[in-house]
């Protein structure tokens, strides 16, 4: 993943059709939202047991909706690089595709 953009406490990362929006809340927690082919695939990742996948690696991860009421992952600041790598690996290993339940992000909203 490459850093695409940074503004204030938000950083965007990109790797092909996979994009991450990472927001630092300033209290030791980071919010991470996952866009794959412009769809929020967090729900699909949850259905494929991404939370358990992270717990097996001793990563404390919770689901939250603190950015525009979109489902994302809340993690500890120290885990941010590992979580970015594991999101990419998890999507690739499971050949995940957006599902009908996944909401689409507009570019304007994603970069807001």
PDB file of N, CA and C in Angstrom:
ATOM      1  N   UNK A   1       0.845  -1.177   0.000  1.00  0.00           N
ATOM      2  CA  UNK A   1       0.000   0.000   0.000  1.00  0.00           C
ATOM      3  C   UNK A   1       0.891   1.240   0.000  1.00  0.00           C
ATOM      4  N   UNK A   2       0.423   2.220  -0.743  1.00  0.00           N
ATOM      5  CA  UNK A   2       1.137   3.480  -0.808  1.00  0.00           C
ATOM      6  C   UNK A   2       0.267   4.579  -0.220  1.00  0.00           C
ATOM      7  N   UNK A   3       0.912   5.521   0.463  1.00  0.00           N
ATOM      8  CA  UNK A   3       0.168   6.656   0.982  1.00  0.00           C
ATOM      9  C   UNK A   3      -0.249   7.518  -0.202  1.00  0.00           C
ATOM     10  N   UNK A   4      -1.538   7.727  -0.327  1.00  0.00           N
ATOM     11  CA  UNK A   4      -2.074   8.489  -1.452  1.00  0.00           C
ATOM     12  C   UNK A   4      -2.195   9.973  -1.111  1.00  0.00           C
ATOM     13  N   UNK A   5      -2.636  10.244   0.115  1.00  0.00           N
ATOM     14  CA  UNK A   5      -2.934  11.619   0.500  1.00  0.00           C
ATOM     15  C   UNK A   5      -2.990  11.703   2.013  1.00  0.00           C
ATOM     16  N   UNK A   6      -2.689  12.889   2.539  1.00  0.00           N
ATOM     17  CA  UNK A   6      -2.835  13.118   3.968  1.00  0.00           C
ATOM     18  C   UNK A   6      -3.382  14.517   4.181  1.00  0.00           C
ATOM     19  N   UNK A   7      -4.351  14.625   5.068  1.00  0.00           N
ATOM     20  CA  UNK A   7      -4.917  15.915   5.421  1.00  0.00           C
ATOM     21  C   UNK A   7      -5.324  15.869   6.878  1.00  0.00           C
ATOM     22  N   UNK A   8      -4.761  16.775   7.674  1.00  0.00           N
ATOM     23  CA  UNK A   8      -4.992  16.844   9.108  1.00  0.00           C
ATOM     24  C   UNK A   8      -4.792  15.471   9.745  1.00  0.00           C
ATOM     25  N   UNK A   9      -5.831  14.884  10.325  1.00  0.00           N
ATOM     26  CA  UNK A   9      -5.674  13.614  11.043  1.00  0.00           C
ATOM     27  C   UNK A   9      -6.123  12.409  10.208  1.00  0.00           C
ATOM     28  N   UNK A  10      -6.261  12.584   8.887  1.00  0.00           N
ATOM     29  CA  UNK A  10      -6.711  11.503   8.008  1.00  0.00           C
ATOM     30  C   UNK A  10      -5.661  11.222   6.936  1.00  0.00           C
ATOM     31  N   UNK A  11      -5.401   9.941   6.711  1.00  0.00           N
ATOM     32  CA  UNK A  11      -4.473   9.508   5.671  1.00  0.00           C
ATOM     33  C   UNK A  11      -5.175   8.487   4.799  1.00  0.00           C
ATOM     34  N   UNK A  12      -4.982   8.609   3.493  1.00  0.00           N
ATOM     35  CA  UNK A  12      -5.568   7.675   2.531  1.00  0.00           C
ATOM     36  C   UNK A  12      -4.447   6.836   1.935  1.00  0.00           C
ATOM     37  N   UNK A  13      -4.707   5.546   1.785  1.00  0.00           N
ATOM     38  CA  UNK A  13      -3.748   4.610   1.210  1.00  0.00           C
ATOM     39  C   UNK A  13      -4.392   3.940   0.000  1.00  0.00           C
ATOM     40  N   UNK A  14      -3.557   3.515  -0.947  1.00  0.00           N
ATOM     41  CA  UNK A  14      -4.083   2.901  -2.162  1.00  0.00           C
ATOM     42  C   UNK A  14      -3.169   1.772  -2.625  1.00  0.00           C
ATOM     43  N   UNK A  15      -3.802   0.740  -3.172  1.00  0.00           N
ATOM     44  CA  UNK A  15      -3.094  -0.365  -3.828  1.00  0.00           C
ATOM     45  C   UNK A  15      -4.054  -0.930  -4.870  1.00  0.00           C
ATOM     46  N   UNK A  16      -3.950  -0.465  -6.100  1.00  0.00           N
ATOM     47  CA  UNK A  16      -4.877  -0.883  -7.155  1.00  0.00           C
ATOM     48  C   UNK A  16      -6.292  -0.416  -6.836  1.00  0.00           C
ATOM     49  N   UNK A  17      -7.244  -1.370  -6.812  1.00  0.00           N
ATOM     50  CA  UNK A  17      -8.643  -1.047  -6.526  1.00  0.00           C
ATOM     51  C   UNK A  17      -8.961  -1.032  -5.036  1.00  0.00           C
ATOM     52  N   UNK A  18      -7.965  -1.304  -4.202  1.00  0.00           N
ATOM     53  CA  UNK A  18      -8.137  -1.300  -2.749  1.00  0.00           C
ATOM     54  C   UNK A  18      -7.666   0.033  -2.189  1.00  0.00           C
ATOM     55  N   UNK A  19      -8.549   0.681  -1.433  1.00  0.00           N
ATOM     56  CA  UNK A  19      -8.210   1.948  -0.794  1.00  0.00           C
ATOM     57  C   UNK A  19      -8.571   1.870   0.682  1.00  0.00           C
ATOM     58  N   UNK A  20      -7.760   2.503   1.505  1.00  0.00           N
ATOM     59  CA  UNK A  20      -8.027   2.591   2.939  1.00  0.00           C
ATOM     60  C   UNK A  20      -8.074   4.057   3.339  1.00  0.00           C
ATOM     61  N   UNK A  21      -9.002   4.371   4.205  1.00  0.00           N
ATOM     62  CA  UNK A  21      -9.125   5.705   4.793  1.00  0.00           C
ATOM     63  C   UNK A  21      -8.854   5.527   6.276  1.00  0.00           C
ATOM     64  N   UNK A  22      -7.797   6.146   6.753  1.00  0.00           N
ATOM     65  CA  UNK A  22      -7.365   5.946   8.136  1.00  0.00           C
ATOM     66  C   UNK A  22      -7.436   7.278   8.872  1.00  0.00           C
ATOM     67  N   UNK A  23      -8.194   7.293   9.974  1.00  0.00           N
ATOM     68  CA  UNK A  23      -8.369   8.522  10.750  1.00  0.00           C
ATOM     69  C   UNK A  23      -7.840   8.316  12.159  1.00  0.00           C
ATOM     70  N   UNK A  24      -6.969   9.222  12.576  1.00  0.00           N
ATOM     71  CA  UNK A  24      -6.402   9.190  13.920  1.00  0.00           C
ATOM     72  C   UNK A  24      -7.314  10.011  14.832  1.00  0.00           C
ATOM     73  N   UNK A  25      -7.852   9.365  15.859  1.00  0.00           N
ATOM     74  CA  UNK A  25      -8.768  10.043  16.784  1.00  0.00           C
ATOM     75  C   UNK A  25      -8.038  10.792  17.897  1.00  0.00           C
ATOM     76  N   UNK A  26      -6.719  10.639  17.973  1.00  0.00           N
ATOM     77  CA  UNK A  26      -5.940  11.374  18.950  1.00  0.00           C
ATOM     78  C   UNK A  26      -5.970  10.803  20.351  1.00  0.00           C
ATOM     79  N   UNK A  27      -6.617   9.670  20.546  1.00  0.00           N
ATOM     80  CA  UNK A  27      -6.692   9.053  21.870  1.00  0.00           C
ATOM     81  C   UNK A  27      -6.049   7.662  21.878  1.00  0.00           C
ATOM     82  N   UNK A  28      -5.198   7.407  20.887  1.00  0.00           N
ATOM     83  CA  UNK A  28      -4.547   6.100  20.787  1.00  0.00           C
ATOM     84  C   UNK A  28      -5.293   5.133  19.876  1.00  0.00           C
ATOM     85  N   UNK A  29      -6.448   5.579  19.352  1.00  0.00           N
ATOM     86  CA  UNK A  29      -7.231   4.727  18.462  1.00  0.00           C
ATOM     87  C   UNK A  29      -7.213   5.290  17.040  1.00  0.00           C
ATOM     88  N   UNK A  30      -7.333   4.379  16.100  1.00  0.00           N
ATOM     89  CA  UNK A  30      -7.374   4.716  14.674  1.00  0.00           C
ATOM     90  C   UNK A  30      -8.627   4.079  14.084  1.00  0.00           C
ATOM     91  N   UNK A  31      -9.310   4.798  13.208  1.00  0.00           N
ATOM     92  CA  UNK A  31     -10.419   4.234  12.451  1.00  0.00           C
ATOM     93  C   UNK A  31      -9.932   3.917  11.048  1.00  0.00           C
ATOM     94  N   UNK A  32     -10.297   2.744  10.535  1.00  0.00           N
ATOM     95  CA  UNK A  32      -9.895   2.333   9.191  1.00  0.00           C
ATOM     96  C   UNK A  32     -11.141   1.917   8.410  1.00  0.00           C
ATOM     97  N   UNK A  33     -11.350   2.547   7.249  1.00  0.00           N
ATOM     98  CA  UNK A  33     -12.449   2.195   6.364  1.00  0.00           C
ATOM     99  C   UNK A  33     -11.857   1.621   5.096  1.00  0.00           C
ATOM    100  N   UNK A  34     -12.502   0.591   4.575  1.00  0.00           N
ATOM    101  CA  UNK A  34     -11.961  -0.164   3.447  1.00  0.00           C
ATOM    102  C   UNK A  34     -12.861   0.023   2.230  1.00  0.00           C
ATOM    103  N   UNK A  35     -12.270   0.491   1.137  1.00  0.00           N
ATOM    104  CA  UNK A  35     -12.979   0.644  -0.131  1.00  0.00           C
ATOM    105  C   UNK A  35     -12.334  -0.295  -1.146  1.00  0.00           C
ATOM    106  N   UNK A  36     -13.140  -1.181  -1.719  1.00  0.00           N
ATOM    107  CA  UNK A  36     -12.648  -2.098  -2.742  1.00  0.00           C
ATOM    108  C   UNK A  36     -13.572  -1.969  -3.938  1.00  0.00           C
ATOM    109  N   UNK A  37     -13.018  -1.554  -5.052  1.00  0.00           N
ATOM    110  CA  UNK A  37     -13.821  -1.236  -6.243  1.00  0.00           C
ATOM    111  C   UNK A  37     -14.892  -0.204  -5.898  1.00  0.00           C
ATOM    112  N   UNK A  38     -14.521   0.743  -5.011  1.00  0.00           N
ATOM    113  CA  UNK A  38     -15.367   1.857  -4.552  1.00  0.00           C
ATOM    114  C   UNK A  38     -16.504   1.443  -3.606  1.00  0.00           C
ATOM    115  N   UNK A  39     -16.489   0.199  -3.127  1.00  0.00           N
ATOM    116  CA  UNK A  39     -17.509  -0.266  -2.189  1.00  0.00           C
ATOM    117  C   UNK A  39     -16.898  -0.487  -0.810  1.00  0.00           C
ATOM    118  N   UNK A  40     -17.669  -0.177   0.223  1.00  0.00           N
ATOM    119  CA  UNK A  40     -17.255  -0.430   1.596  1.00  0.00           C
ATOM    120  C   UNK A  40     -17.420  -1.931   1.862  1.00  0.00           C
ATOM    121  N   UNK A  41     -16.307  -2.651   1.908  1.00  0.00           N
ATOM    122  CA  UNK A  41     -16.362  -4.107   2.061  1.00  0.00           C
ATOM    123  C   UNK A  41     -16.175  -4.552   3.512  1.00  0.00           C
ATOM    124  N   UNK A  42     -16.268  -3.630   4.465  1.00  0.00           N
ATOM    125  CA  UNK A  42     -16.101  -4.007   5.876  1.00  0.00           C
ATOM    126  C   UNK A  42     -17.122  -5.061   6.302  1.00  0.00           C
ATOM    127  N   UNK A  43     -18.372  -4.904   5.886  1.00  0.00           N
ATOM    128  CA  UNK A  43     -19.394  -5.886   6.255  1.00  0.00           C
ATOM    129  C   UNK A  43     -19.042  -7.266   5.676  1.00  0.00           C
ATOM    130  N   UNK A  44     -18.641  -7.296   4.423  1.00  0.00           N
ATOM    131  CA  UNK A  44     -18.248  -8.560   3.794  1.00  0.00           C
ATOM    132  C   UNK A  44     -17.057  -9.167   4.522  1.00  0.00           C
ATOM    133  N   UNK A  45     -16.090  -8.349   4.904  1.00  0.00           N
ATOM    134  CA  UNK A  45     -14.926  -8.849   5.649  1.00  0.00           C
ATOM    135  C   UNK A  45     -15.348  -9.436   6.988  1.00  0.00           C
ATOM    136  N   UNK A  46     -16.301  -8.796   7.643  1.00  0.00           N
ATOM    137  CA  UNK A  46     -16.806  -9.311   8.919  1.00  0.00           C
ATOM    138  C   UNK A  46     -17.455 -10.674   8.707  1.00  0.00           C
ATOM    139  N   UNK A  47     -18.235 -10.808   7.641  1.00  0.00           N
ATOM    140  CA  UNK A  47     -18.905 -12.081   7.344  1.00  0.00           C
ATOM    141  C   UNK A  47     -17.896 -13.204   7.064  1.00  0.00           C
ATOM    142  N   UNK A  48     -16.721 -12.832   6.565  1.00  0.00           N
ATOM    143  CA  UNK A  48     -15.670 -13.813   6.309  1.00  0.00           C
ATOM    144  C   UNK A  48     -14.735 -13.971   7.512  1.00  0.00           C
ATOM    145  N   UNK A  49     -15.125 -13.457   8.681  1.00  0.00           N
ATOM    146  CA  UNK A  49     -14.411 -13.613   9.956  1.00  0.00           C
ATOM    147  C   UNK A  49     -13.102 -12.838  10.054  1.00  0.00           C
ATOM    148  N   UNK A  50     -13.067 -11.616   9.503  1.00  0.00           N
ATOM    149  CA  UNK A  50     -11.860 -10.796   9.630  1.00  0.00           C
ATOM    150  C   UNK A  50     -11.552 -10.447  11.083  1.00  0.00           C
ATOM    151  N   UNK A  51     -12.579 -10.249  11.890  1.00  0.00           N
ATOM    152  CA  UNK A  51     -12.348  -9.911  13.298  1.00  0.00           C
ATOM    153  C   UNK A  51     -11.627 -11.057  13.999  1.00  0.00           C
ATOM    154  N   UNK A  52     -12.070 -12.280  13.777  1.00  0.00           N
ATOM    155  CA  UNK A  52     -11.408 -13.445  14.376  1.00  0.00           C
ATOM    156  C   UNK A  52      -9.986 -13.603  13.827  1.00  0.00           C
ATOM    157  N   UNK A  53      -9.813 -13.359  12.551  1.00  0.00           N
ATOM    158  CA  UNK A  53      -8.491 -13.402  11.909  1.00  0.00           C
ATOM    159  C   UNK A  53      -7.519 -12.483  12.667  1.00  0.00           C
ATOM    160  N   UNK A  54      -7.978 -11.267  12.974  1.00  0.00           N
ATOM    161  CA  UNK A  54      -7.133 -10.307  13.691  1.00  0.00           C
ATOM    162  C   UNK A  54      -6.890 -10.731  15.138  1.00  0.00           C
ATOM    163  N   UNK A  55      -7.916 -11.246  15.783  1.00  0.00           N
ATOM    164  CA  UNK A  55      -7.751 -11.675  17.179  1.00  0.00           C
ATOM    165  C   UNK A  55      -6.724 -12.792  17.307  1.00  0.00           C
ATOM    166  N   UNK A  56      -6.663 -13.666  16.309  1.00  0.00           N
ATOM    167  CA  UNK A  56      -5.661 -14.740  16.328  1.00  0.00           C
ATOM    168  C   UNK A  56      -4.244 -14.187  16.253  1.00  0.00           C
ATOM    169  N   UNK A  57      -4.091 -12.974  15.744  1.00  0.00           N
ATOM    170  CA  UNK A  57      -2.783 -12.311  15.686  1.00  0.00           C
ATOM    171  C   UNK A  57      -2.608 -11.313  16.821  1.00  0.00           C
ATOM    172  N   UNK A  58      -3.509 -11.383  17.806  1.00  0.00           N
ATOM    173  CA  UNK A  58      -3.474 -10.511  18.978  1.00  0.00           C
ATOM    174  C   UNK A  58      -3.659  -9.030  18.622  1.00  0.00           C
ATOM    175  N   UNK A  59      -4.493  -8.779  17.617  1.00  0.00           N
ATOM    176  CA  UNK A  59      -4.854  -7.416  17.233  1.00  0.00           C
ATOM    177  C   UNK A  59      -6.244  -7.142  17.794  1.00  0.00           C
ATOM    178  N   UNK A  60      -6.348  -6.104  18.615  1.00  0.00           N
ATOM    179  CA  UNK A  60      -7.638  -5.710  19.180  1.00  0.00           C
ATOM    180  C   UNK A  60      -8.352  -4.848  18.150  1.00  0.00           C
ATOM    181  N   UNK A  61      -9.437  -5.369  17.586  1.00  0.00           N
ATOM    182  CA  UNK A  61     -10.166  -4.699  16.523  1.00  0.00           C
ATOM    183  C   UNK A  61     -11.650  -4.707  16.845  1.00  0.00           C
ATOM    184  N   UNK A  62     -12.286  -3.562  16.685  1.00  0.00           N
ATOM    185  CA  UNK A  62     -13.730  -3.449  16.903  1.00  0.00           C
ATOM    186  C   UNK A  62     -14.357  -2.810  15.671  1.00  0.00           C
ATOM    187  N   UNK A  63     -15.636  -2.991  15.522  1.00  0.00           N
ATOM    188  CA  UNK A  63     -16.369  -2.358  14.436  1.00  0.00           C
ATOM    189  C   UNK A  63     -16.979  -1.066  14.968  1.00  0.00           C
ATOM    190  N   UNK A  64     -16.863  -0.005  14.182  1.00  0.00           N
ATOM    191  CA  UNK A  64     -17.427   1.279  14.568  1.00  0.00           C
ATOM    192  C   UNK A  64     -17.993   1.983  13.349  1.00  0.00           C
ATOM    193  N   UNK A  65     -18.784   3.010  13.600  1.00  0.00           N
ATOM    194  CA  UNK A  65     -19.410   3.759  12.510  1.00  0.00           C
ATOM    195  C   UNK A  65     -19.242   5.259  12.745  1.00  0.00           C
ATOM    196  N   UNK A  66     -18.046   5.670  13.135  1.00  0.00           N
ATOM    197  CA  UNK A  66     -17.828   7.053  13.535  1.00  0.00           C
ATOM    198  C   UNK A  66     -17.608   8.025  12.376  1.00  0.00           C
ATOM    199  N   UNK A  67     -17.378   7.534  11.171  1.00  0.00           N
ATOM    200  CA  UNK A  67     -17.227   8.424  10.023  1.00  0.00           C
ATOM    201  C   UNK A  67     -18.442   8.268   9.105  1.00  0.00           C
ATOM    202  N   UNK A  68     -19.244   9.309   9.026  1.00  0.00           N
ATOM    203  CA  UNK A  68     -20.422   9.368   8.149  1.00  0.00           C
ATOM    204  C   UNK A  68     -21.327   8.133   8.254  1.00  0.00           C
ATOM    205  N   UNK A  69     -21.340   7.526   9.409  1.00  0.00           N
ATOM    206  CA  UNK A  69     -22.177   6.351   9.670  1.00  0.00           C
ATOM    207  C   UNK A  69     -21.833   5.151   8.778  1.00  0.00           C
ATOM    208  N   UNK A  70     -20.561   5.089   8.346  1.00  0.00           N
ATOM    209  CA  UNK A  70     -20.076   3.956   7.555  1.00  0.00           C
ATOM    210  C   UNK A  70     -19.360   2.972   8.473  1.00  0.00           C
ATOM    211  N   UNK A  71     -19.575   1.711   8.255  1.00  0.00           N
ATOM    212  CA  UNK A  71     -18.924   0.660   9.035  1.00  0.00           C
ATOM    213  C   UNK A  71     -17.422   0.670   8.732  1.00  0.00           C
ATOM    214  N   UNK A  72     -16.631   0.635   9.797  1.00  0.00           N
ATOM    215  CA  UNK A  72     -15.174   0.588   9.681  1.00  0.00           C
ATOM    216  C   UNK A  72     -14.600  -0.152  10.870  1.00  0.00           C
ATOM    217  N   UNK A  73     -13.297  -0.237  10.922  1.00  0.00           N
ATOM    218  CA  UNK A  73     -12.616  -0.956  11.995  1.00  0.00           C
ATOM    219  C   UNK A  73     -11.880   0.025  12.895  1.00  0.00           C
ATOM    220  N   UNK A  74     -12.054  -0.134  14.207  1.00  0.00           N
ATOM    221  CA  UNK A  74     -11.361   0.672  15.194  1.00  0.00           C
ATOM    222  C   UNK A  74     -10.223  -0.174  15.768  1.00  0.00           C
ATOM    223  N   UNK A  75      -9.024   0.377  15.721  1.00  0.00           N
ATOM    224  CA  UNK A  75      -7.836  -0.357  16.165  1.00  0.00           C
ATOM    225  C   UNK A  75      -6.986   0.545  17.044  1.00  0.00           C
ATOM    226  N   UNK A  76      -6.005  -0.069  17.678  1.00  0.00           N
ATOM    227  CA  UNK A  76      -5.039   0.709  18.448  1.00  0.00           C
ATOM    228  C   UNK A  76      -4.002   1.271  17.477  1.00  0.00           C
ATOM    229  N   UNK A  77      -3.519   2.460  17.787  1.00  0.00           N
ATOM    230  CA  UNK A  77      -2.554   3.151  16.942  1.00  0.00           C
ATOM    231  C   UNK A  77      -1.355   2.266  16.592  1.00  0.00           C
ATOM    232  N   UNK A  78      -0.876   1.492  17.540  1.00  0.00           N
ATOM    233  CA  UNK A  78       0.321   0.675  17.335  1.00  0.00           C
ATOM    234  C   UNK A  78       0.131  -0.412  16.279  1.00  0.00           C
ATOM    235  N   UNK A  79      -1.107  -0.770  15.971  1.00  0.00           N
ATOM    236  CA  UNK A  79      -1.396  -1.865  15.037  1.00  0.00           C
ATOM    237  C   UNK A  79      -1.671  -1.402  13.610  1.00  0.00           C
ATOM    238  N   UNK A  80      -1.576  -0.111  13.342  1.00  0.00           N
ATOM    239  CA  UNK A  80      -2.047   0.402  12.054  1.00  0.00           C
ATOM    240  C   UNK A  80      -1.324  -0.189  10.844  1.00  0.00           C
ATOM    241  N   UNK A  81      -0.013  -0.302  10.842  1.00  0.00           N
ATOM    242  CA  UNK A  81       0.703  -0.864   9.683  1.00  0.00           C
ATOM    243  C   UNK A  81       0.364  -2.343   9.502  1.00  0.00           C
ATOM    244  N   UNK A  82       0.298  -3.078  10.606  1.00  0.00           N
ATOM    245  CA  UNK A  82      -0.040  -4.500  10.545  1.00  0.00           C
ATOM    246  C   UNK A  82      -1.462  -4.700  10.015  1.00  0.00           C
ATOM    247  N   UNK A  83      -2.407  -3.900  10.472  1.00  0.00           N
ATOM    248  CA  UNK A  83      -3.786  -4.034  10.026  1.00  0.00           C
ATOM    249  C   UNK A  83      -3.902  -3.711   8.542  1.00  0.00           C
ATOM    250  N   UNK A  84      -3.211  -2.683   8.075  1.00  0.00           N
ATOM    251  CA  UNK A  84      -3.243  -2.374   6.633  1.00  0.00           C
ATOM    252  C   UNK A  84      -2.754  -3.570   5.825  1.00  0.00           C
ATOM    253  N   UNK A  85      -1.665  -4.173   6.255  1.00  0.00           N
ATOM    254  CA  UNK A  85      -1.125  -5.343   5.547  1.00  0.00           C
ATOM    255  C   UNK A  85      -2.085  -6.522   5.610  1.00  0.00           C
ATOM    256  N   UNK A  86      -2.705  -6.743   6.757  1.00  0.00           N
ATOM    257  CA  UNK A  86      -3.611  -7.882   6.917  1.00  0.00           C
ATOM    258  C   UNK A  86      -4.910  -7.695   6.140  1.00  0.00           C
ATOM    259  N   UNK A  87      -5.369  -6.471   5.999  1.00  0.00           N
ATOM    260  CA  UNK A  87      -6.560  -6.221   5.178  1.00  0.00           C
ATOM    261  C   UNK A  87      -6.276  -6.647   3.745  1.00  0.00           C
ATOM    262  N   UNK A  88      -5.144  -6.236   3.216  1.00  0.00           N
ATOM    263  CA  UNK A  88      -4.758  -6.604   1.853  1.00  0.00           C
ATOM    264  C   UNK A  88      -4.638  -8.113   1.718  1.00  0.00           C
ATOM    265  N   UNK A  89      -3.951  -8.731   2.654  1.00  0.00           N
ATOM    266  CA  UNK A  89      -3.742 -10.183   2.612  1.00  0.00           C
ATOM    267  C   UNK A  89      -5.073 -10.927   2.730  1.00  0.00           C
ATOM    268  N   UNK A  90      -5.937 -10.493   3.641  1.00  0.00           N
ATOM    269  CA  UNK A  90      -7.234 -11.137   3.861  1.00  0.00           C
ATOM    270  C   UNK A  90      -8.104 -11.073   2.597  1.00  0.00           C
ATOM    271  N   UNK A  91      -8.161  -9.912   1.974  1.00  0.00           N
ATOM    272  CA  UNK A  91      -8.960  -9.763   0.751  1.00  0.00           C
ATOM    273  C   UNK A  91      -8.417 -10.658  -0.355  1.00  0.00           C
ATOM    274  N   UNK A  92      -7.103 -10.707  -0.504  1.00  0.00           N
ATOM    275  CA  UNK A  92      -6.494 -11.542  -1.546  1.00  0.00           C
ATOM    276  C   UNK A  92      -6.689 -13.031  -1.289  1.00  0.00           C
ATOM    277  N   UNK A  93      -6.435 -13.480  -0.079  1.00  0.00           N
ATOM    278  CA  UNK A  93      -6.556 -14.909   0.251  1.00  0.00           C
ATOM    279  C   UNK A  93      -7.993 -15.393   0.067  1.00  0.00           C
ATOM    280  N   UNK A  94      -8.958 -14.570   0.468  1.00  0.00           N
ATOM    281  CA  UNK A  94     -10.368 -14.954   0.384  1.00  0.00           C
ATOM    282  C   UNK A  94     -11.028 -14.563  -0.939  1.00  0.00           C
ATOM    283  N   UNK A  95     -10.255 -13.979  -1.846  1.00  0.00           N
ATOM    284  CA  UNK A  95     -10.785 -13.523  -3.144  1.00  0.00           C
ATOM    285  C   UNK A  95     -12.092 -12.743  -2.970  1.00  0.00           C
ATOM    286  N   UNK A  96     -12.078 -11.827  -1.997  1.00  0.00           N
ATOM    287  CA  UNK A  96     -13.293 -11.064  -1.687  1.00  0.00           C
ATOM    288  C   UNK A  96     -13.671 -10.129  -2.824  1.00  0.00           C
ATOM    289  N   UNK A  97     -14.941 -10.012  -3.012  1.00  0.00           N
ATOM    290  CA  UNK A  97     -15.547  -9.071  -3.954  1.00  0.00           C
ATOM    291  C   UNK A  97     -16.646  -8.339  -3.201  1.00  0.00           C
ATOM    292  N   UNK A  98     -16.961  -7.115  -3.597  1.00  0.00           N
ATOM    293  CA  UNK A  98     -18.086  -6.428  -2.950  1.00  0.00           C
ATOM    294  C   UNK A  98     -19.372  -7.227  -3.116  1.00  0.00           C
ATOM    295  N   UNK A  99     -20.217  -7.184  -2.088  1.00  0.00           N
ATOM    296  CA  UNK A  99     -21.503  -7.884  -2.151  1.00  0.00           C
ATOM    297  C   UNK A  99     -22.628  -6.867  -2.353  1.00  0.00           C
ATOM    298  N   UNK A 100     -23.822  -7.367  -2.542  1.00  0.00           N
ATOM    299  CA  UNK A 100     -24.983  -6.501  -2.746  1.00  0.00           C
ATOM    300  C   UNK A 100     -25.284  -5.645  -1.516  1.00  0.00           C
ATOM    301  N   UNK A 101     -24.879  -6.110  -0.348  1.00  0.00           N
ATOM    302  CA  UNK A 101     -25.133  -5.365   0.894  1.00  0.00           C
ATOM    303  C   UNK A 101     -24.126  -4.233   1.120  1.00  0.00           C
ATOM    304  N   UNK A 102     -23.016  -4.237   0.385  1.00  0.00           N
ATOM    305  CA  UNK A 102     -21.978  -3.228   0.588  1.00  0.00           C
ATOM    306  C   UNK A 102     -22.384  -1.910  -0.054  1.00  0.00           C
ATOM    307  N   UNK A 103     -22.163  -0.828   0.685  1.00  0.00           N
ATOM    308  CA  UNK A 103     -22.514   0.488   0.172  1.00  0.00           C
ATOM    309  C   UNK A 103     -21.371   1.061  -0.658  1.00  0.00           C
ATOM    310  N   UNK A 104     -21.731   1.863  -1.652  1.00  0.00           N
ATOM    311  CA  UNK A 104     -20.740   2.451  -2.549  1.00  0.00           C
ATOM    312  C   UNK A 104     -20.311   3.822  -2.028  1.00  0.00           C
ATOM    313  N   UNK A 105     -19.017   4.084  -2.104  1.00  0.00           N
ATOM    314  CA  UNK A 105     -18.472   5.396  -1.731  1.00  0.00           C
ATOM    315  C   UNK A 105     -18.369   6.268  -2.977  1.00  0.00           C
ATOM    316  N   UNK A 106     -18.768   7.515  -2.866  1.00  0.00           N
ATOM    317  CA  UNK A 106     -18.462   8.473  -3.935  1.00  0.00           C
ATOM    318  C   UNK A 106     -17.068   9.027  -3.652  1.00  0.00           C
ATOM    319  N   UNK A 107     -16.382   9.490  -4.676  1.00  0.00           N
ATOM    320  CA  UNK A 107     -15.051  10.071  -4.489  1.00  0.00           C
ATOM    321  C   UNK A 107     -15.108  11.292  -3.579  1.00  0.00           C
ATOM    322  N   UNK A 108     -16.165  12.097  -3.735  1.00  0.00           N
ATOM    323  CA  UNK A 108     -16.296  13.297  -2.897  1.00  0.00           C
ATOM    324  C   UNK A 108     -16.385  12.932  -1.414  1.00  0.00           C
ATOM    325  N   UNK A 109     -17.179  11.927  -1.114  1.00  0.00           N
ATOM    326  CA  UNK A 109     -17.318  11.515   0.290  1.00  0.00           C
ATOM    327  C   UNK A 109     -16.029  10.878   0.793  1.00  0.00           C
ATOM    328  N   UNK A 110     -15.435   9.987   0.010  1.00  0.00           N
ATOM    329  CA  UNK A 110     -14.228   9.275   0.423  1.00  0.00           C
ATOM    330  C   UNK A 110     -13.118  10.225   0.809  1.00  0.00           C
ATOM    331  N   UNK A 111     -12.960  11.296   0.047  1.00  0.00           N
ATOM    332  CA  UNK A 111     -11.868  12.247   0.289  1.00  0.00           C
ATOM    333  C   UNK A 111     -12.304  13.458   1.096  1.00  0.00           C
ATOM    334  N   UNK A 112     -13.456  13.384   1.742  1.00  0.00           N
ATOM    335  CA  UNK A 112     -13.926  14.515   2.557  1.00  0.00           C
ATOM    336  C   UNK A 112     -13.265  14.521   3.909  1.00  0.00           C
TER     337      UNK A 112
END
